[in-house]
Amino acid sequence: MAIIHTVLFQVKADTKAEDVKAACDGFLALKDKCVHPTTQSPYIKSVTGGKDNSPEGFQNGITHGFVVEFSSAEDRDYYVSTDPAHRAFVQSIGGLVEKLIVVDYTPGVY
């Protein structure tokens, strides 16, 4: 059953625009960089994201959002806890992130 992994973060105010772009590009690149250890193939079904542009005013400081889709909880769990490409990415953006929110869900499960 599919798992949707939603990542919302606030970039530190003093972060250079080119560093923000590089971090966003790096996040999107995980779709191809994250390779399953058994199949040796990319396992992220889709990833999309970008800078907040909502006019509602409920962002609470959040500046960027990303949505990652996995085929299974097992794939998501590997991504979160073990995948070396994901772990390297998280390390690379650590100095840019002020606040982070992660929400995962299974579509249709309430």
PDB file of N, CA and C in Angstrom:
ATOM      1  N   MET A   1       0.833  -1.180   0.000  1.00  0.00           N
ATOM      2  CA  MET A   1       0.000   0.000   0.000  1.00  0.00           C
ATOM      3  C   MET A   1       0.877   1.243   0.000  1.00  0.00           C
ATOM      4  N   ALA A   2       0.545   2.226  -0.790  1.00  0.00           N
ATOM      5  CA  ALA A   2       1.349   3.438  -0.953  1.00  0.00           C
ATOM      6  C   ALA A   2       1.459   4.223   0.354  1.00  0.00           C
ATOM      7  N   ILE A   3       2.582   4.887   0.497  1.00  0.00           N
ATOM      8  CA  ILE A   3       2.833   5.788   1.620  1.00  0.00           C
ATOM      9  C   ILE A   3       3.218   7.145   1.037  1.00  0.00           C
ATOM     10  N   ILE A   4       2.584   8.191   1.536  1.00  0.00           N
ATOM     11  CA  ILE A   4       2.929   9.554   1.149  1.00  0.00           C
ATOM     12  C   ILE A   4       3.731  10.161   2.296  1.00  0.00           C
ATOM     13  N   HIS A   5       4.904  10.676   1.974  1.00  0.00           N
ATOM     14  CA  HIS A   5       5.847  11.246   2.945  1.00  0.00           C
ATOM     15  C   HIS A   5       5.915  12.740   2.647  1.00  0.00           C
ATOM     16  N   THR A   6       5.354  13.541   3.546  1.00  0.00           N
ATOM     17  CA  THR A   6       5.298  14.989   3.354  1.00  0.00           C
ATOM     18  C   THR A   6       6.345  15.650   4.239  1.00  0.00           C
ATOM     19  N   VAL A   7       7.179  16.487   3.636  1.00  0.00           N
ATOM     20  CA  VAL A   7       8.248  17.167   4.359  1.00  0.00           C
ATOM     21  C   VAL A   7       8.065  18.666   4.181  1.00  0.00           C
ATOM     22  N   LEU A   8       7.947  19.367   5.296  1.00  0.00           N
ATOM     23  CA  LEU A   8       7.810  20.821   5.284  1.00  0.00           C
ATOM     24  C   LEU A   8       8.961  21.393   6.093  1.00  0.00           C
ATOM     25  N   PHE A   9       9.609  22.429   5.567  1.00  0.00           N
ATOM     26  CA  PHE A   9      10.676  23.022   6.357  1.00  0.00           C
ATOM     27  C   PHE A   9      10.744  24.521   6.182  1.00  0.00           C
ATOM     28  N   GLN A  10      11.369  25.145   7.165  1.00  0.00           N
ATOM     29  CA  GLN A  10      11.619  26.570   7.152  1.00  0.00           C
ATOM     30  C   GLN A  10      13.113  26.754   6.952  1.00  0.00           C
ATOM     31  N   VAL A  11      13.461  27.467   5.910  1.00  0.00           N
ATOM     32  CA  VAL A  11      14.857  27.773   5.638  1.00  0.00           C
ATOM     33  C   VAL A  11      15.274  28.939   6.530  1.00  0.00           C
ATOM     34  N   LYS A  12      16.463  28.873   7.083  1.00  0.00           N
ATOM     35  CA  LYS A  12      16.973  29.977   7.905  1.00  0.00           C
ATOM     36  C   LYS A  12      17.008  31.251   7.069  1.00  0.00           C
ATOM     37  N   ALA A  13      16.669  32.361   7.703  1.00  0.00           N
ATOM     38  CA  ALA A  13      16.511  33.642   7.011  1.00  0.00           C
ATOM     39  C   ALA A  13      17.782  34.109   6.298  1.00  0.00           C
ATOM     40  N   ASP A  14      18.937  33.772   6.813  1.00  0.00           N
ATOM     41  CA  ASP A  14      20.186  34.250   6.211  1.00  0.00           C
ATOM     42  C   ASP A  14      20.756  33.313   5.143  1.00  0.00           C
ATOM     43  N   THR A  15      19.984  32.334   4.720  1.00  0.00           N
ATOM     44  CA  THR A  15      20.451  31.372   3.716  1.00  0.00           C
ATOM     45  C   THR A  15      20.464  32.020   2.335  1.00  0.00           C
ATOM     46  N   LYS A  16      21.552  31.833   1.610  1.00  0.00           N
ATOM     47  CA  LYS A  16      21.682  32.381   0.259  1.00  0.00           C
ATOM     48  C   LYS A  16      20.725  31.675  -0.694  1.00  0.00           C
ATOM     49  N   ALA A  17      20.186  32.435  -1.637  1.00  0.00           N
ATOM     50  CA  ALA A  17      19.217  31.897  -2.604  1.00  0.00           C
ATOM     51  C   ALA A  17      19.793  30.712  -3.367  1.00  0.00           C
ATOM     52  N   GLU A  18      21.061  30.763  -3.724  1.00  0.00           N
ATOM     53  CA  GLU A  18      21.651  29.657  -4.486  1.00  0.00           C
ATOM     54  C   GLU A  18      21.777  28.391  -3.633  1.00  0.00           C
ATOM     55  N   ASP A  19      21.947  28.557  -2.320  1.00  0.00           N
ATOM     56  CA  ASP A  19      21.994  27.397  -1.428  1.00  0.00           C
ATOM     57  C   ASP A  19      20.607  26.770  -1.275  1.00  0.00           C
ATOM     58  N   VAL A  20      19.576  27.621  -1.234  1.00  0.00           N
ATOM     59  CA  VAL A  20      18.199  27.114  -1.174  1.00  0.00           C
ATOM     60  C   VAL A  20      17.884  26.338  -2.446  1.00  0.00           C
ATOM     61  N   LYS A  21      18.245  26.897  -3.594  1.00  0.00           N
ATOM     62  CA  LYS A  21      17.991  26.223  -4.870  1.00  0.00           C
ATOM     63  C   LYS A  21      18.719  24.885  -4.923  1.00  0.00           C
ATOM     64  N   ALA A  22      19.968  24.867  -4.492  1.00  0.00           N
ATOM     65  CA  ALA A  22      20.745  23.625  -4.503  1.00  0.00           C
ATOM     66  C   ALA A  22      20.112  22.578  -3.587  1.00  0.00           C
ATOM     67  N   ALA A  23      19.608  23.004  -2.432  1.00  0.00           N
ATOM     68  CA  ALA A  23      18.956  22.066  -1.509  1.00  0.00           C
ATOM     69  C   ALA A  23      17.671  21.508  -2.129  1.00  0.00           C
ATOM     70  N   CYS A  24      16.891  22.368  -2.765  1.00  0.00           N
ATOM     71  CA  CYS A  24      15.647  21.911  -3.398  1.00  0.00           C
ATOM     72  C   CYS A  24      15.945  20.973  -4.559  1.00  0.00           C
ATOM     73  N   ASP A  25      16.922  21.327  -5.374  1.00  0.00           N
ATOM     74  CA  ASP A  25      17.324  20.451  -6.478  1.00  0.00           C
ATOM     75  C   ASP A  25      17.810  19.101  -5.939  1.00  0.00           C
ATOM     76  N   GLY A  26      18.549  19.148  -4.826  1.00  0.00           N
ATOM     77  CA  GLY A  26      19.039  17.925  -4.214  1.00  0.00           C
ATOM     78  C   GLY A  26      17.915  17.043  -3.710  1.00  0.00           C
ATOM     79  N   PHE A  27      16.886  17.665  -3.151  1.00  0.00           N
ATOM     80  CA  PHE A  27      15.740  16.891  -2.668  1.00  0.00           C
ATOM     81  C   PHE A  27      15.065  16.196  -3.838  1.00  0.00           C
ATOM     82  N   LEU A  28      14.808  16.929  -4.902  1.00  0.00           N
ATOM     83  CA  LEU A  28      14.139  16.353  -6.073  1.00  0.00           C
ATOM     84  C   LEU A  28      14.980  15.253  -6.724  1.00  0.00           C
ATOM     85  N   ALA A  29      16.301  15.392  -6.658  1.00  0.00           N
ATOM     86  CA  ALA A  29      17.202  14.405  -7.255  1.00  0.00           C
ATOM     87  C   ALA A  29      17.192  13.070  -6.514  1.00  0.00           C
ATOM     88  N   LEU A  30      16.666  13.052  -5.285  1.00  0.00           N
ATOM     89  CA  LEU A  30      16.628  11.797  -4.533  1.00  0.00           C
ATOM     90  C   LEU A  30      15.823  10.723  -5.252  1.00  0.00           C
ATOM     91  N   LYS A  31      14.885  11.118  -6.092  1.00  0.00           N
ATOM     92  CA  LYS A  31      14.085  10.130  -6.835  1.00  0.00           C
ATOM     93  C   LYS A  31      14.982   9.170  -7.621  1.00  0.00           C
ATOM     94  N   ASP A  32      16.050   9.695  -8.182  1.00  0.00           N
ATOM     95  CA  ASP A  32      16.964   8.863  -8.965  1.00  0.00           C
ATOM     96  C   ASP A  32      18.158   8.363  -8.154  1.00  0.00           C
ATOM     97  N   LYS A  33      18.531   9.090  -7.117  1.00  0.00           N
ATOM     98  CA  LYS A  33      19.708   8.725  -6.330  1.00  0.00           C
ATOM     99  C   LYS A  33      19.440   7.623  -5.310  1.00  0.00           C
ATOM    100  N   CYS A  34      18.201   7.529  -4.843  1.00  0.00           N
ATOM    101  CA  CYS A  34      17.865   6.504  -3.845  1.00  0.00           C
ATOM    102  C   CYS A  34      17.609   5.184  -4.558  1.00  0.00           C
ATOM    103  N   VAL A  35      18.481   4.225  -4.301  1.00  0.00           N
ATOM    104  CA  VAL A  35      18.438   2.936  -4.986  1.00  0.00           C
ATOM    105  C   VAL A  35      18.177   1.842  -3.956  1.00  0.00           C
ATOM    106  N   HIS A  36      17.227   0.968  -4.284  1.00  0.00           N
ATOM    107  CA  HIS A  36      16.861  -0.120  -3.375  1.00  0.00           C
ATOM    108  C   HIS A  36      18.014  -1.119  -3.287  1.00  0.00           C
ATOM    109  N   PRO A  37      18.371  -1.561  -2.086  1.00  0.00           N
ATOM    110  CA  PRO A  37      19.520  -2.455  -1.926  1.00  0.00           C
ATOM    111  C   PRO A  37      19.332  -3.830  -2.566  1.00  0.00           C
ATOM    112  N   THR A  38      18.108  -4.263  -2.720  1.00  0.00           N
ATOM    113  CA  THR A  38      17.851  -5.584  -3.305  1.00  0.00           C
ATOM    114  C   THR A  38      17.739  -5.516  -4.826  1.00  0.00           C
ATOM    115  N   THR A  39      16.951  -4.583  -5.324  1.00  0.00           N
ATOM    116  CA  THR A  39      16.711  -4.496  -6.773  1.00  0.00           C
ATOM    117  C   THR A  39      17.748  -3.668  -7.513  1.00  0.00           C
ATOM    118  N   GLN A  40      18.494  -2.855  -6.768  1.00  0.00           N
ATOM    119  CA  GLN A  40      19.470  -1.934  -7.360  1.00  0.00           C
ATOM    120  C   GLN A  40      18.807  -0.951  -8.347  1.00  0.00           C
ATOM    121  N   SER A  41      17.548  -0.644  -8.088  1.00  0.00           N
ATOM    122  CA  SER A  41      16.780   0.296  -8.912  1.00  0.00           C
ATOM    123  C   SER A  41      16.215   1.394  -8.024  1.00  0.00           C
ATOM    124  N   PRO A  42      15.996   2.586  -8.598  1.00  0.00           N
ATOM    125  CA  PRO A  42      15.322   3.640  -7.825  1.00  0.00           C
ATOM    126  C   PRO A  42      13.959   3.146  -7.345  1.00  0.00           C
ATOM    127  N   TYR A  43      13.588   3.505  -6.129  1.00  0.00           N
ATOM    128  CA  TYR A  43      12.348   2.990  -5.545  1.00  0.00           C
ATOM    129  C   TYR A  43      11.360   4.079  -5.147  1.00  0.00           C
ATOM    130  N   ILE A  44      11.718   5.337  -5.275  1.00  0.00           N
ATOM    131  CA  ILE A  44      10.770   6.414  -4.998  1.00  0.00           C
ATOM    132  C   ILE A  44       9.862   6.542  -6.211  1.00  0.00           C
ATOM    133  N   LYS A  45       8.543   6.437  -5.973  1.00  0.00           N
ATOM    134  CA  LYS A  45       7.591   6.503  -7.085  1.00  0.00           C
ATOM    135  C   LYS A  45       7.519   7.915  -7.669  1.00  0.00           C
ATOM    136  N   SER A  46       7.470   8.927  -6.809  1.00  0.00           N
ATOM    137  CA  SER A  46       7.426  10.311  -7.281  1.00  0.00           C
ATOM    138  C   SER A  46       7.878  11.234  -6.171  1.00  0.00           C
ATOM    139  N   VAL A  47       8.362  12.390  -6.570  1.00  0.00           N
ATOM    140  CA  VAL A  47       8.717  13.445  -5.624  1.00  0.00           C
ATOM    141  C   VAL A  47       8.453  14.783  -6.303  1.00  0.00           C
ATOM    142  N   THR A  48       7.851  15.682  -5.562  1.00  0.00           N
ATOM    143  CA  THR A  48       7.575  17.021  -6.058  1.00  0.00           C
ATOM    144  C   THR A  48       7.703  17.985  -4.896  1.00  0.00           C
ATOM    145  N   GLY A  49       7.921  19.236  -5.210  1.00  0.00           N
ATOM    146  CA  GLY A  49       8.003  20.207  -4.122  1.00  0.00           C
ATOM    147  C   GLY A  49       8.503  21.552  -4.601  1.00  0.00           C
ATOM    148  N   GLY A  50       8.553  22.484  -3.668  1.00  0.00           N
ATOM    149  CA  GLY A  50       9.037  23.818  -3.985  1.00  0.00           C
ATOM    150  C   GLY A  50       8.754  24.808  -2.877  1.00  0.00           C
ATOM    151  N   LYS A  51       8.903  26.071  -3.224  1.00  0.00           N
ATOM    152  CA  LYS A  51       8.728  27.181  -2.287  1.00  0.00           C
ATOM    153  C   LYS A  51       7.243  27.458  -2.065  1.00  0.00           C
ATOM    154  N   ASP A  52       6.898  27.738  -0.816  1.00  0.00           N
ATOM    155  CA  ASP A  52       5.511  28.066  -0.473  1.00  0.00           C
ATOM    156  C   ASP A  52       5.055  29.318  -1.216  1.00  0.00           C
ATOM    157  N   ASN A  53       3.821  29.281  -1.696  1.00  0.00           N
ATOM    158  CA  ASN A  53       3.229  30.473  -2.315  1.00  0.00           C
ATOM    159  C   ASN A  53       1.761  30.636  -1.914  1.00  0.00           C
ATOM    160  N   SER A  54       1.370  30.064  -0.789  1.00  0.00           N
ATOM    161  CA  SER A  54      -0.016  30.130  -0.338  1.00  0.00           C
ATOM    162  C   SER A  54      -0.370  31.534   0.142  1.00  0.00           C
ATOM    163  N   PRO A  55      -1.524  32.051  -0.273  1.00  0.00           N
ATOM    164  CA  PRO A  55      -1.966  33.365   0.184  1.00  0.00           C
ATOM    165  C   PRO A  55      -2.703  33.315   1.527  1.00  0.00           C
ATOM    166  N   GLU A  56      -2.895  32.115   2.097  1.00  0.00           N
ATOM    167  CA  GLU A  56      -3.723  31.976   3.291  1.00  0.00           C
ATOM    168  C   GLU A  56      -3.084  32.501   4.575  1.00  0.00           C
ATOM    169  N   GLY A  57      -1.760  32.486   4.640  1.00  0.00           N
ATOM    170  CA  GLY A  57      -1.087  33.006   5.824  1.00  0.00           C
ATOM    171  C   GLY A  57      -0.997  32.055   7.003  1.00  0.00           C
ATOM    172  N   PHE A  58      -1.134  30.749   6.764  1.00  0.00           N
ATOM    173  CA  PHE A  58      -1.075  29.763   7.844  1.00  0.00           C
ATOM    174  C   PHE A  58       0.230  28.960   7.840  1.00  0.00           C
ATOM    175  N   GLN A  59       1.261  29.474   7.230  1.00  0.00           N
ATOM    176  CA  GLN A  59       2.514  28.735   7.074  1.00  0.00           C
ATOM    177  C   GLN A  59       3.286  28.565   8.377  1.00  0.00           C
ATOM    178  N   ASN A  60       3.077  29.430   9.344  1.00  0.00           N
ATOM    179  CA  ASN A  60       3.822  29.365  10.609  1.00  0.00           C
ATOM    180  C   ASN A  60       5.323  29.272  10.391  1.00  0.00           C
ATOM    181  N   GLY A  61       5.811  30.024   9.429  1.00  0.00           N
ATOM    182  CA  GLY A  61       7.242  30.061   9.148  1.00  0.00           C
ATOM    183  C   GLY A  61       7.722  29.068   8.109  1.00  0.00           C
ATOM    184  N   ILE A  62       6.919  28.078   7.770  1.00  0.00           N
ATOM    185  CA  ILE A  62       7.327  27.073   6.786  1.00  0.00           C
ATOM    186  C   ILE A  62       7.509  27.752   5.430  1.00  0.00           C
ATOM    187  N   THR A  63       8.641  27.486   4.789  1.00  0.00           N
ATOM    188  CA  THR A  63       8.954  28.140   3.516  1.00  0.00           C
ATOM    189  C   THR A  63       8.912  27.195   2.318  1.00  0.00           C
ATOM    190  N   HIS A  64       9.076  25.890   2.540  1.00  0.00           N
ATOM    191  CA  HIS A  64       9.159  24.927   1.444  1.00  0.00           C
ATOM    192  C   HIS A  64       8.442  23.630   1.811  1.00  0.00           C
ATOM    193  N   GLY A  65       7.911  22.968   0.809  1.00  0.00           N
ATOM    194  CA  GLY A  65       7.245  21.694   1.030  1.00  0.00           C
ATOM    195  C   GLY A  65       7.555  20.701  -0.067  1.00  0.00           C
ATOM    196  N   PHE A  66       7.635  19.433   0.321  1.00  0.00           N
ATOM    197  CA  PHE A  66       7.916  18.352  -0.624  1.00  0.00           C
ATOM    198  C   PHE A  66       7.024  17.162  -0.305  1.00  0.00           C
ATOM    199  N   VAL A  67       6.639  16.440  -1.348  1.00  0.00           N
ATOM    200  CA  VAL A  67       5.821  15.245  -1.204  1.00  0.00           C
ATOM    201  C   VAL A  67       6.521  14.111  -1.935  1.00  0.00           C
ATOM    202  N   VAL A  68       6.785  13.036  -1.191  1.00  0.00           N
ATOM    203  CA  VAL A  68       7.472  11.865  -1.730  1.00  0.00           C
ATOM    204  C   VAL A  68       6.506  10.690  -1.639  1.00  0.00           C
ATOM    205  N   GLU A  69       6.373   9.935  -2.725  1.00  0.00           N
ATOM    206  CA  GLU A  69       5.485   8.770  -2.722  1.00  0.00           C
ATOM    207  C   GLU A  69       6.303   7.486  -2.807  1.00  0.00           C
ATOM    208  N   PHE A  70       5.975   6.566  -1.907  1.00  0.00           N
ATOM    209  CA  PHE A  70       6.604   5.251  -1.875  1.00  0.00           C
ATOM    210  C   PHE A  70       5.547   4.183  -2.136  1.00  0.00           C
ATOM    211  N   SER A  71       5.957   3.050  -2.668  1.00  0.00           N
ATOM    212  CA  SER A  71       5.037   1.933  -2.913  1.00  0.00           C
ATOM    213  C   SER A  71       4.633   1.222  -1.638  1.00  0.00           C
ATOM    214  N   SER A  72       5.500   1.305  -0.619  1.00  0.00           N
ATOM    215  CA  SER A  72       5.236   0.540   0.603  1.00  0.00           C
ATOM    216  C   SER A  72       5.865   1.222   1.813  1.00  0.00           C
ATOM    217  N   ALA A  73       5.391   0.824   2.986  1.00  0.00           N
ATOM    218  CA  ALA A  73       5.985   1.310   4.228  1.00  0.00           C
ATOM    219  C   ALA A  73       7.434   0.838   4.340  1.00  0.00           C
ATOM    220  N   GLU A  74       7.725  -0.337   3.817  1.00  0.00           N
ATOM    221  CA  GLU A  74       9.089  -0.864   3.875  1.00  0.00           C
ATOM    222  C   GLU A  74      10.052   0.036   3.099  1.00  0.00           C
ATOM    223  N   ASP A  75       9.619   0.496   1.911  1.00  0.00           N
ATOM    224  CA  ASP A  75      10.467   1.406   1.131  1.00  0.00           C
ATOM    225  C   ASP A  75      10.670   2.721   1.879  1.00  0.00           C
ATOM    226  N   ARG A  76       9.594   3.254   2.444  1.00  0.00           N
ATOM    227  CA  ARG A  76       9.696   4.502   3.210  1.00  0.00           C
ATOM    228  C   ARG A  76      10.621   4.324   4.396  1.00  0.00           C
ATOM    229  N   ASP A  77      10.495   3.210   5.095  1.00  0.00           N
ATOM    230  CA  ASP A  77      11.317   2.965   6.268  1.00  0.00           C
ATOM    231  C   ASP A  77      12.793   2.863   5.904  1.00  0.00           C
ATOM    232  N   TYR A  78      13.089   2.196   4.791  1.00  0.00           N
ATOM    233  CA  TYR A  78      14.479   2.114   4.332  1.00  0.00           C
ATOM    234  C   TYR A  78      15.007   3.511   4.014  1.00  0.00           C
ATOM    235  N   TYR A  79      14.209   4.304   3.317  1.00  0.00           N
ATOM    236  CA  TYR A  79      14.566   5.672   2.950  1.00  0.00           C
ATOM    237  C   TYR A  79      14.888   6.499   4.192  1.00  0.00           C
ATOM    238  N   VAL A  80      14.006   6.445   5.173  1.00  0.00           N
ATOM    239  CA  VAL A  80      14.143   7.281   6.364  1.00  0.00           C
ATOM    240  C   VAL A  80      15.324   6.849   7.232  1.00  0.00           C
ATOM    241  N   SER A  81      15.513   5.556   7.400  1.00  0.00           N
ATOM    242  CA  SER A  81      16.492   5.097   8.384  1.00  0.00           C
ATOM    243  C   SER A  81      17.836   4.655   7.833  1.00  0.00           C
ATOM    244  N   THR A  82      17.902   4.274   6.547  1.00  0.00           N
ATOM    245  CA  THR A  82      19.110   3.615   6.065  1.00  0.00           C
ATOM    246  C   THR A  82      19.689   4.180   4.773  1.00  0.00           C
ATOM    247  N   ASP A  83      18.866   4.572   3.835  1.00  0.00           N
ATOM    248  CA  ASP A  83      19.357   4.918   2.494  1.00  0.00           C
ATOM    249  C   ASP A  83      20.504   5.933   2.556  1.00  0.00           C
ATOM    250  N   PRO A  84      21.681   5.561   2.028  1.00  0.00           N
ATOM    251  CA  PRO A  84      22.834   6.456   2.123  1.00  0.00           C
ATOM    252  C   PRO A  84      22.650   7.774   1.356  1.00  0.00           C
ATOM    253  N   ALA A  85      21.942   7.755   0.247  1.00  0.00           N
ATOM    254  CA  ALA A  85      21.716   8.995  -0.506  1.00  0.00           C
ATOM    255  C   ALA A  85      20.835   9.948   0.292  1.00  0.00           C
ATOM    256  N   HIS A  86      19.803   9.421   0.922  1.00  0.00           N
ATOM    257  CA  HIS A  86      18.931  10.262   1.746  1.00  0.00           C
ATOM    258  C   HIS A  86      19.686  10.793   2.961  1.00  0.00           C
ATOM    259  N   ARG A  87      20.456   9.942   3.605  1.00  0.00           N
ATOM    260  CA  ARG A  87      21.214  10.364   4.790  1.00  0.00           C
ATOM    261  C   ARG A  87      22.224  11.452   4.435  1.00  0.00           C
ATOM    262  N   ALA A  88      22.872  11.329   3.289  1.00  0.00           N
ATOM    263  CA  ALA A  88      23.825  12.355   2.851  1.00  0.00           C
ATOM    264  C   ALA A  88      23.109  13.671   2.567  1.00  0.00           C
ATOM    265  N   PHE A  89      21.933  13.580   1.965  1.00  0.00           N
ATOM    266  CA  PHE A  89      21.164  14.789   1.687  1.00  0.00           C
ATOM    267  C   PHE A  89      20.778  15.492   2.990  1.00  0.00           C
ATOM    268  N   VAL A  90      20.281  14.737   3.952  1.00  0.00           N
ATOM    269  CA  VAL A  90      19.887  15.316   5.237  1.00  0.00           C
ATOM    270  C   VAL A  90      21.084  16.022   5.880  1.00  0.00           C
ATOM    271  N   GLN A  91      22.247  15.394   5.840  1.00  0.00           N
ATOM    272  CA  GLN A  91      23.469  16.014   6.370  1.00  0.00           C
ATOM    273  C   GLN A  91      23.768  17.322   5.648  1.00  0.00           C
ATOM    274  N   SER A  92      23.586  17.326   4.331  1.00  0.00           N
ATOM    275  CA  SER A  92      23.965  18.487   3.524  1.00  0.00           C
ATOM    276  C   SER A  92      23.095  19.714   3.781  1.00  0.00           C
ATOM    277  N   ILE A  93      21.860  19.515   4.215  1.00  0.00           N
ATOM    278  CA  ILE A  93      20.978  20.675   4.429  1.00  0.00           C
ATOM    279  C   ILE A  93      20.807  21.042   5.899  1.00  0.00           C
ATOM    280  N   GLY A  94      21.453  20.322   6.777  1.00  0.00           N
ATOM    281  CA  GLY A  94      21.287  20.554   8.211  1.00  0.00           C
ATOM    282  C   GLY A  94      21.497  21.996   8.635  1.00  0.00           C
ATOM    283  N   GLY A  95      22.457  22.676   8.047  1.00  0.00           N
ATOM    284  CA  GLY A  95      22.747  24.056   8.412  1.00  0.00           C
ATOM    285  C   GLY A  95      21.782  25.070   7.833  1.00  0.00           C
ATOM    286  N   LEU A  96      20.927  24.646   6.917  1.00  0.00           N
ATOM    287  CA  LEU A  96      19.997  25.569   6.264  1.00  0.00           C
ATOM    288  C   LEU A  96      18.610  25.574   6.885  1.00  0.00           C
ATOM    289  N   VAL A  97      18.290  24.542   7.641  1.00  0.00           N
ATOM    290  CA  VAL A  97      16.917  24.340   8.100  1.00  0.00           C
ATOM    291  C   VAL A  97      16.716  24.873   9.515  1.00  0.00           C
ATOM    292  N   GLU A  98      15.709  25.718   9.646  1.00  0.00           N
ATOM    293  CA  GLU A  98      15.326  26.283  10.938  1.00  0.00           C
ATOM    294  C   GLU A  98      14.302  25.382  11.641  1.00  0.00           C
ATOM    295  N   LYS A  99      13.317  24.908  10.871  1.00  0.00           N
ATOM    296  CA  LYS A  99      12.223  24.102  11.414  1.00  0.00           C
ATOM    297  C   LYS A  99      11.886  23.027  10.401  1.00  0.00           C
ATOM    298  N   LEU A 100      11.507  21.847  10.898  1.00  0.00           N
ATOM    299  CA  LEU A 100      11.182  20.718  10.030  1.00  0.00           C
ATOM    300  C   LEU A 100       9.927  20.030  10.548  1.00  0.00           C
ATOM    301  N   ILE A 101       9.013  19.720   9.629  1.00  0.00           N
ATOM    302  CA  ILE A 101       7.811  18.962   9.959  1.00  0.00           C
ATOM    303  C   ILE A 101       7.700  17.831   8.948  1.00  0.00           C
ATOM    304  N   VAL A 102       7.475  16.622   9.429  1.00  0.00           N
ATOM    305  CA  VAL A 102       7.291  15.471   8.557  1.00  0.00           C
ATOM    306  C   VAL A 102       5.965  14.806   8.921  1.00  0.00           C
ATOM    307  N   VAL A 103       5.131  14.571   7.920  1.00  0.00           N
ATOM    308  CA  VAL A 103       3.862  13.874   8.115  1.00  0.00           C
ATOM    309  C   VAL A 103       3.759  12.812   7.028  1.00  0.00           C
ATOM    310  N   ASP A 104       3.576  11.564   7.441  1.00  0.00           N
ATOM    311  CA  ASP A 104       3.389  10.461   6.501  1.00  0.00           C
ATOM    312  C   ASP A 104       1.963   9.949   6.642  1.00  0.00           C
ATOM    313  N   TYR A 105       1.420   9.483   5.517  1.00  0.00           N
ATOM    314  CA  TYR A 105       0.085   8.895   5.572  1.00  0.00           C
ATOM    315  C   TYR A 105      -0.097   7.897   4.458  1.00  0.00           C
ATOM    316  N   THR A 106      -1.084   7.036   4.666  1.00  0.00           N
ATOM    317  CA  THR A 106      -1.524   6.090   3.638  1.00  0.00           C
ATOM    318  C   THR A 106      -2.823   6.639   3.078  1.00  0.00           C
ATOM    319  N   PRO A 107      -2.880   6.894   1.766  1.00  0.00           N
ATOM    320  CA  PRO A 107      -4.106   7.445   1.192  1.00  0.00           C
ATOM    321  C   PRO A 107      -5.337   6.608   1.539  1.00  0.00           C
ATOM    322  N   GLY A 108      -6.369   7.286   2.013  1.00  0.00           N
ATOM    323  CA  GLY A 108      -7.618   6.624   2.352  1.00  0.00           C
ATOM    324  C   GLY A 108      -7.703   6.025   3.737  1.00  0.00           C
ATOM    325  N   VAL A 109      -6.604   6.052   4.488  1.00  0.00           N
ATOM    326  CA  VAL A 109      -6.627   5.517   5.849  1.00  0.00           C
ATOM    327  C   VAL A 109      -6.811   6.687   6.800  1.00  0.00           C
ATOM    328  N   TYR A 110      -7.934   6.669   7.511  1.00  0.00           N
ATOM    329  CA  TYR A 110      -8.280   7.760   8.421  1.00  0.00           C
ATOM    330  C   TYR A 110      -8.261   7.262   9.832  1.00  0.00           C
TER     331      TYR A 110
END
